[in-house]
Amino acid sequence: MKRTSRIAGLTLLAATFATMSPATAQGPGWTVSSTVVRIVNTANGGVNVRLSPDLTGCTSQSGYGAVYASIYPDHPGLNRMKADLLVAFTTGMRISVYLSDATCTVGELTLDGY
């Protein structure tokens, strides 16, 4: 491989990594296709979920921090969503979540990404 084409390839690769960023809390809206990294059952009966790529700027229930999306205990689909999260977590299946607001409240989710 010629030196100039190798440098061009490395430059392109570096530019690609430089433009990659975590999914952000820009709700409402769908997240990118993600994997489930951690599921937290919160004291109030809700669920927090950490995805990869990370979310940012969230206000999660029970103070888990800015990378956790929250499903609150009054959500009518809480049990079904938790079941889907567990399937995704144990199998590595990708998901996408619909953030209902800028605090990363989960309104809907799809298995196998969006």
N, C-alpha and C. Protein backbone atom coordinates (compact mmCIF):
# COMPACT_ATOMS: atom_id res chain seq x y z
N MET A 1 0.84 -1.17 0.00
CA MET A 1 0.00 0.00 0.00
C MET A 1 0.89 1.24 0.00
N LYS A 2 0.54 2.19 -0.82
CA LYS A 2 1.32 3.42 -0.86
C LYS A 2 1.12 4.22 0.42
N ARG A 3 2.18 4.93 0.78
CA ARG A 3 2.14 5.72 2.01
C ARG A 3 1.02 6.75 1.99
N THR A 4 0.80 7.42 0.87
CA THR A 4 -0.23 8.46 0.81
C THR A 4 -1.63 7.88 0.98
N SER A 5 -1.88 6.71 0.40
CA SER A 5 -3.22 6.12 0.55
C SER A 5 -3.42 5.60 1.98
N ARG A 6 -2.36 5.13 2.61
CA ARG A 6 -2.45 4.68 3.99
C ARG A 6 -2.73 5.87 4.91
N ILE A 7 -2.06 6.98 4.67
CA ILE A 7 -2.29 8.18 5.48
C ILE A 7 -3.71 8.69 5.26
N ALA A 8 -4.17 8.66 4.02
CA ALA A 8 -5.54 9.10 3.73
C ALA A 8 -6.54 8.20 4.44
N GLY A 9 -6.29 6.90 4.45
CA GLY A 9 -7.18 5.97 5.13
C GLY A 9 -7.21 6.20 6.63
N LEU A 10 -6.04 6.44 7.21
CA LEU A 10 -5.97 6.72 8.64
C LEU A 10 -6.65 8.04 8.99
N THR A 11 -6.51 9.02 8.11
CA THR A 11 -7.16 10.31 8.32
C THR A 11 -8.67 10.15 8.29
N LEU A 12 -9.17 9.38 7.33
CA LEU A 12 -10.60 9.12 7.24
C LEU A 12 -11.10 8.39 8.49
N LEU A 13 -10.34 7.41 8.95
CA LEU A 13 -10.71 6.66 10.14
C LEU A 13 -10.74 7.59 11.36
N ALA A 14 -9.76 8.45 11.50
CA ALA A 14 -9.70 9.38 12.62
C ALA A 14 -10.88 10.35 12.57
N ALA A 15 -11.23 10.82 11.38
CA ALA A 15 -12.36 11.73 11.23
C ALA A 15 -13.67 11.03 11.60
N THR A 16 -13.79 9.76 11.24
CA THR A 16 -14.98 9.00 11.59
C THR A 16 -15.13 8.88 13.09
N PHE A 17 -14.05 8.51 13.79
CA PHE A 17 -14.11 8.40 15.24
C PHE A 17 -14.36 9.75 15.90
N ALA A 18 -13.85 10.81 15.34
CA ALA A 18 -14.04 12.14 15.91
C ALA A 18 -15.49 12.58 15.83
N THR A 19 -16.23 12.12 14.82
CA THR A 19 -17.61 12.53 14.68
C THR A 19 -18.58 11.61 15.40
N MET A 20 -18.10 10.47 15.91
CA MET A 20 -18.95 9.56 16.66
C MET A 20 -19.19 10.15 18.05
N SER A 21 -20.42 10.06 18.51
CA SER A 21 -20.71 10.56 19.85
C SER A 21 -21.77 9.67 20.48
N PRO A 22 -21.89 9.74 21.81
CA PRO A 22 -22.92 8.93 22.45
C PRO A 22 -24.30 9.43 22.07
N ALA A 23 -25.31 8.55 22.20
CA ALA A 23 -26.68 8.98 22.00
C ALA A 23 -26.97 10.03 23.06
N THR A 24 -27.67 11.07 22.72
CA THR A 24 -27.90 12.14 23.68
C THR A 24 -29.35 12.22 24.08
N ALA A 25 -29.59 12.89 25.18
CA ALA A 25 -30.94 13.07 25.69
C ALA A 25 -31.60 14.20 24.94
N GLN A 26 -31.96 13.95 23.73
CA GLN A 26 -32.58 14.96 22.90
C GLN A 26 -34.07 14.69 22.73
N GLY A 27 -34.62 13.99 23.71
CA GLY A 27 -36.02 13.62 23.62
C GLY A 27 -36.92 14.83 23.46
N PRO A 28 -38.08 14.64 22.96
CA PRO A 28 -38.59 13.33 22.62
C PRO A 28 -38.00 12.79 21.32
N GLY A 29 -37.92 11.49 21.24
CA GLY A 29 -37.41 10.85 20.03
C GLY A 29 -36.79 9.50 20.32
N TRP A 30 -36.52 8.77 19.25
CA TRP A 30 -35.94 7.43 19.35
C TRP A 30 -34.43 7.49 19.52
N THR A 31 -33.91 6.59 20.33
CA THR A 31 -32.46 6.44 20.44
C THR A 31 -31.97 5.60 19.27
N VAL A 32 -30.67 5.58 19.09
CA VAL A 32 -30.08 4.69 18.09
C VAL A 32 -30.21 3.26 18.57
N SER A 33 -30.04 2.32 17.68
CA SER A 33 -30.05 0.90 18.05
C SER A 33 -28.95 0.67 19.08
N SER A 34 -29.32 0.09 20.23
CA SER A 34 -28.41 0.01 21.37
C SER A 34 -28.47 -1.37 22.02
N THR A 35 -27.48 -1.63 22.87
CA THR A 35 -27.52 -2.82 23.71
C THR A 35 -27.78 -2.39 25.15
N VAL A 36 -28.38 -3.28 25.92
CA VAL A 36 -28.68 -3.01 27.32
C VAL A 36 -27.46 -3.40 28.14
N VAL A 37 -26.92 -2.44 28.89
CA VAL A 37 -25.73 -2.66 29.70
C VAL A 37 -26.09 -2.99 31.14
N ARG A 38 -27.13 -2.32 31.66
CA ARG A 38 -27.49 -2.52 33.06
C ARG A 38 -28.96 -2.20 33.26
N ILE A 39 -29.62 -2.97 34.10
CA ILE A 39 -31.02 -2.73 34.47
C ILE A 39 -31.06 -2.56 35.98
N VAL A 40 -31.71 -1.49 36.44
CA VAL A 40 -31.81 -1.21 37.87
C VAL A 40 -33.28 -1.15 38.26
N ASN A 41 -33.68 -1.96 39.23
CA ASN A 41 -35.01 -1.86 39.84
C ASN A 41 -34.92 -0.81 40.92
N THR A 42 -35.66 0.27 40.78
CA THR A 42 -35.56 1.37 41.73
C THR A 42 -36.52 1.19 42.90
N ALA A 43 -36.25 1.89 44.00
CA ALA A 43 -37.02 1.76 45.23
C ALA A 43 -38.48 2.14 45.06
N ASN A 44 -38.78 3.00 44.09
CA ASN A 44 -40.16 3.43 43.89
C ASN A 44 -40.96 2.46 43.02
N GLY A 45 -40.33 1.37 42.57
CA GLY A 45 -41.03 0.40 41.73
C GLY A 45 -40.78 0.56 40.25
N GLY A 46 -39.99 1.54 39.88
CA GLY A 46 -39.67 1.77 38.48
C GLY A 46 -38.42 1.02 38.06
N VAL A 47 -37.96 1.33 36.86
CA VAL A 47 -36.76 0.69 36.29
C VAL A 47 -35.91 1.75 35.63
N ASN A 48 -34.62 1.69 35.87
CA ASN A 48 -33.65 2.49 35.12
C ASN A 48 -32.89 1.56 34.19
N VAL A 49 -32.49 2.06 33.04
CA VAL A 49 -31.74 1.24 32.09
C VAL A 49 -30.58 2.04 31.53
N ARG A 50 -29.42 1.38 31.48
CA ARG A 50 -28.25 1.98 30.85
C ARG A 50 -28.03 1.27 29.52
N LEU A 51 -27.85 2.07 28.49
CA LEU A 51 -27.66 1.55 27.13
C LEU A 51 -26.24 1.81 26.66
N SER A 52 -25.86 1.11 25.63
CA SER A 52 -24.61 1.40 24.92
C SER A 52 -24.96 1.54 23.45
N PRO A 53 -24.67 2.67 22.83
CA PRO A 53 -23.93 3.81 23.37
C PRO A 53 -24.70 4.53 24.47
N ASP A 54 -23.92 5.17 25.36
CA ASP A 54 -24.48 5.87 26.50
C ASP A 54 -25.39 7.00 26.09
N LEU A 55 -26.42 7.22 26.89
CA LEU A 55 -27.19 8.44 26.82
C LEU A 55 -26.45 9.49 27.64
N THR A 56 -26.76 10.75 27.43
CA THR A 56 -26.16 11.81 28.24
C THR A 56 -27.25 12.81 28.59
N GLY A 57 -27.05 13.49 29.70
CA GLY A 57 -27.97 14.55 30.09
C GLY A 57 -29.29 14.09 30.66
N CYS A 58 -29.39 12.85 31.07
CA CYS A 58 -30.64 12.33 31.63
C CYS A 58 -30.79 12.74 33.09
N THR A 59 -32.02 12.77 33.56
CA THR A 59 -32.32 12.93 34.97
C THR A 59 -33.03 11.67 35.39
N SER A 60 -32.27 10.68 35.85
CA SER A 60 -32.84 9.37 36.16
C SER A 60 -33.45 9.35 37.55
N GLN A 61 -34.44 8.48 37.72
CA GLN A 61 -35.06 8.32 39.03
C GLN A 61 -34.06 7.69 40.00
N SER A 62 -34.18 8.01 41.25
CA SER A 62 -33.33 7.49 42.33
C SER A 62 -31.87 7.91 42.22
N GLY A 63 -31.58 8.94 41.42
CA GLY A 63 -30.23 9.50 41.37
C GLY A 63 -29.16 8.64 40.74
N TYR A 64 -29.52 7.81 39.76
CA TYR A 64 -28.52 6.95 39.13
C TYR A 64 -27.63 7.67 38.12
N GLY A 65 -27.96 8.87 37.77
CA GLY A 65 -27.06 9.64 36.95
C GLY A 65 -27.54 9.88 35.52
N ALA A 66 -26.70 10.61 34.81
CA ALA A 66 -27.06 11.15 33.50
C ALA A 66 -27.02 10.15 32.35
N VAL A 67 -26.63 8.90 32.59
CA VAL A 67 -26.57 7.91 31.51
C VAL A 67 -27.72 6.90 31.57
N TYR A 68 -28.62 7.06 32.54
CA TYR A 68 -29.72 6.10 32.71
C TYR A 68 -31.04 6.69 32.26
N ALA A 69 -31.76 5.96 31.42
CA ALA A 69 -33.14 6.28 31.08
C ALA A 69 -34.04 5.65 32.13
N SER A 70 -35.23 6.20 32.32
CA SER A 70 -36.11 5.74 33.39
C SER A 70 -37.49 5.35 32.87
N ILE A 71 -37.98 4.23 33.39
CA ILE A 71 -39.38 3.84 33.20
C ILE A 71 -40.00 3.97 34.59
N TYR A 72 -40.95 4.88 34.73
CA TYR A 72 -41.53 5.16 36.04
C TYR A 72 -42.60 4.14 36.40
N PRO A 73 -42.84 3.95 37.71
CA PRO A 73 -43.75 2.90 38.17
C PRO A 73 -45.19 3.06 37.69
N ASP A 74 -45.59 4.26 37.30
CA ASP A 74 -46.96 4.46 36.83
C ASP A 74 -47.12 4.20 35.33
N HIS A 75 -46.04 3.80 34.65
CA HIS A 75 -46.14 3.51 33.22
C HIS A 75 -46.97 2.23 33.03
N PRO A 76 -48.02 2.28 32.20
CA PRO A 76 -48.87 1.09 32.04
C PRO A 76 -48.17 -0.11 31.42
N GLY A 77 -47.07 0.11 30.73
CA GLY A 77 -46.34 -1.00 30.10
C GLY A 77 -45.09 -1.43 30.84
N LEU A 78 -44.95 -1.00 32.09
CA LEU A 78 -43.72 -1.25 32.86
C LEU A 78 -43.31 -2.73 32.85
N ASN A 79 -44.22 -3.63 33.17
CA ASN A 79 -43.86 -5.05 33.26
C ASN A 79 -43.46 -5.63 31.91
N ARG A 80 -44.16 -5.25 30.85
CA ARG A 80 -43.82 -5.75 29.52
C ARG A 80 -42.47 -5.17 29.06
N MET A 81 -42.24 -3.89 29.35
CA MET A 81 -40.96 -3.28 28.97
C MET A 81 -39.81 -3.92 29.72
N LYS A 82 -40.02 -4.19 31.02
CA LYS A 82 -38.96 -4.83 31.79
C LYS A 82 -38.66 -6.21 31.24
N ALA A 83 -39.69 -6.94 30.84
CA ALA A 83 -39.49 -8.26 30.25
C ALA A 83 -38.66 -8.14 28.96
N ASP A 84 -38.98 -7.17 28.12
CA ASP A 84 -38.22 -6.97 26.89
C ASP A 84 -36.78 -6.56 27.18
N LEU A 85 -36.58 -5.71 28.19
CA LEU A 85 -35.22 -5.32 28.57
C LEU A 85 -34.42 -6.53 29.03
N LEU A 86 -35.04 -7.40 29.80
CA LEU A 86 -34.35 -8.60 30.26
C LEU A 86 -33.98 -9.52 29.10
N VAL A 87 -34.87 -9.66 28.14
CA VAL A 87 -34.56 -10.46 26.94
C VAL A 87 -33.37 -9.85 26.22
N ALA A 88 -33.41 -8.55 26.01
CA ALA A 88 -32.32 -7.87 25.31
C ALA A 88 -31.01 -8.00 26.08
N PHE A 89 -31.07 -7.85 27.40
CA PHE A 89 -29.88 -7.93 28.23
C PHE A 89 -29.26 -9.32 28.18
N THR A 90 -30.08 -10.35 28.30
CA THR A 90 -29.54 -11.72 28.37
C THR A 90 -29.11 -12.27 27.02
N THR A 91 -29.72 -11.79 25.93
CA THR A 91 -29.40 -12.32 24.61
C THR A 91 -28.46 -11.43 23.80
N GLY A 92 -28.30 -10.18 24.23
CA GLY A 92 -27.49 -9.24 23.45
C GLY A 92 -28.26 -8.62 22.30
N MET A 93 -29.58 -8.86 22.25
CA MET A 93 -30.41 -8.28 21.19
C MET A 93 -30.40 -6.76 21.31
N ARG A 94 -30.43 -6.10 20.20
CA ARG A 94 -30.41 -4.64 20.18
C ARG A 94 -31.83 -4.10 20.38
N ILE A 95 -31.91 -2.92 20.99
CA ILE A 95 -33.19 -2.25 21.20
C ILE A 95 -33.06 -0.78 20.83
N SER A 96 -34.18 -0.13 20.70
CA SER A 96 -34.26 1.33 20.65
C SER A 96 -35.36 1.73 21.60
N VAL A 97 -35.17 2.85 22.28
CA VAL A 97 -36.20 3.34 23.18
C VAL A 97 -36.67 4.71 22.71
N TYR A 98 -37.95 4.96 22.91
CA TYR A 98 -38.51 6.27 22.62
C TYR A 98 -38.48 7.08 23.90
N LEU A 99 -37.73 8.17 23.89
CA LEU A 99 -37.65 9.05 25.04
C LEU A 99 -38.77 10.07 24.94
N SER A 100 -39.64 10.08 25.93
CA SER A 100 -40.81 10.95 25.91
C SER A 100 -40.48 12.41 26.18
N ASP A 101 -39.33 12.65 26.81
CA ASP A 101 -38.94 14.02 27.15
C ASP A 101 -37.42 14.12 27.26
N ALA A 102 -36.93 15.30 27.55
CA ALA A 102 -35.48 15.53 27.62
C ALA A 102 -34.83 14.97 28.87
N THR A 103 -35.61 14.43 29.81
CA THR A 103 -35.01 13.82 31.00
C THR A 103 -34.78 12.32 30.80
N CYS A 104 -35.10 11.80 29.62
CA CYS A 104 -34.92 10.38 29.26
C CYS A 104 -35.96 9.47 29.89
N THR A 105 -37.20 9.94 29.97
CA THR A 105 -38.30 9.08 30.39
C THR A 105 -38.66 8.18 29.21
N VAL A 106 -38.63 6.87 29.43
CA VAL A 106 -38.94 5.91 28.36
C VAL A 106 -40.45 5.81 28.19
N GLY A 107 -40.90 6.02 26.96
CA GLY A 107 -42.32 5.89 26.65
C GLY A 107 -42.62 4.60 25.93
N GLU A 108 -41.71 4.18 25.04
CA GLU A 108 -41.88 2.97 24.25
C GLU A 108 -40.52 2.36 24.00
N LEU A 109 -40.50 1.08 23.61
CA LEU A 109 -39.24 0.48 23.18
C LEU A 109 -39.52 -0.59 22.14
N THR A 110 -38.52 -0.82 21.31
CA THR A 110 -38.61 -1.86 20.29
C THR A 110 -37.43 -2.80 20.45
N LEU A 111 -37.68 -4.08 20.29
CA LEU A 111 -36.60 -5.05 20.25
C LEU A 111 -36.01 -5.03 18.85
N ASP A 112 -34.74 -5.34 18.75
CA ASP A 112 -34.01 -5.40 17.48
C ASP A 112 -33.79 -4.03 16.87
N GLY A 113 -33.77 -3.01 17.71
CA GLY A 113 -33.43 -1.66 17.25
C GLY A 113 -34.53 -1.01 16.43
N TYR A 114 -34.31 0.23 16.10
CA TYR A 114 -35.29 1.03 15.36
C TYR A 114 -34.82 1.25 13.96
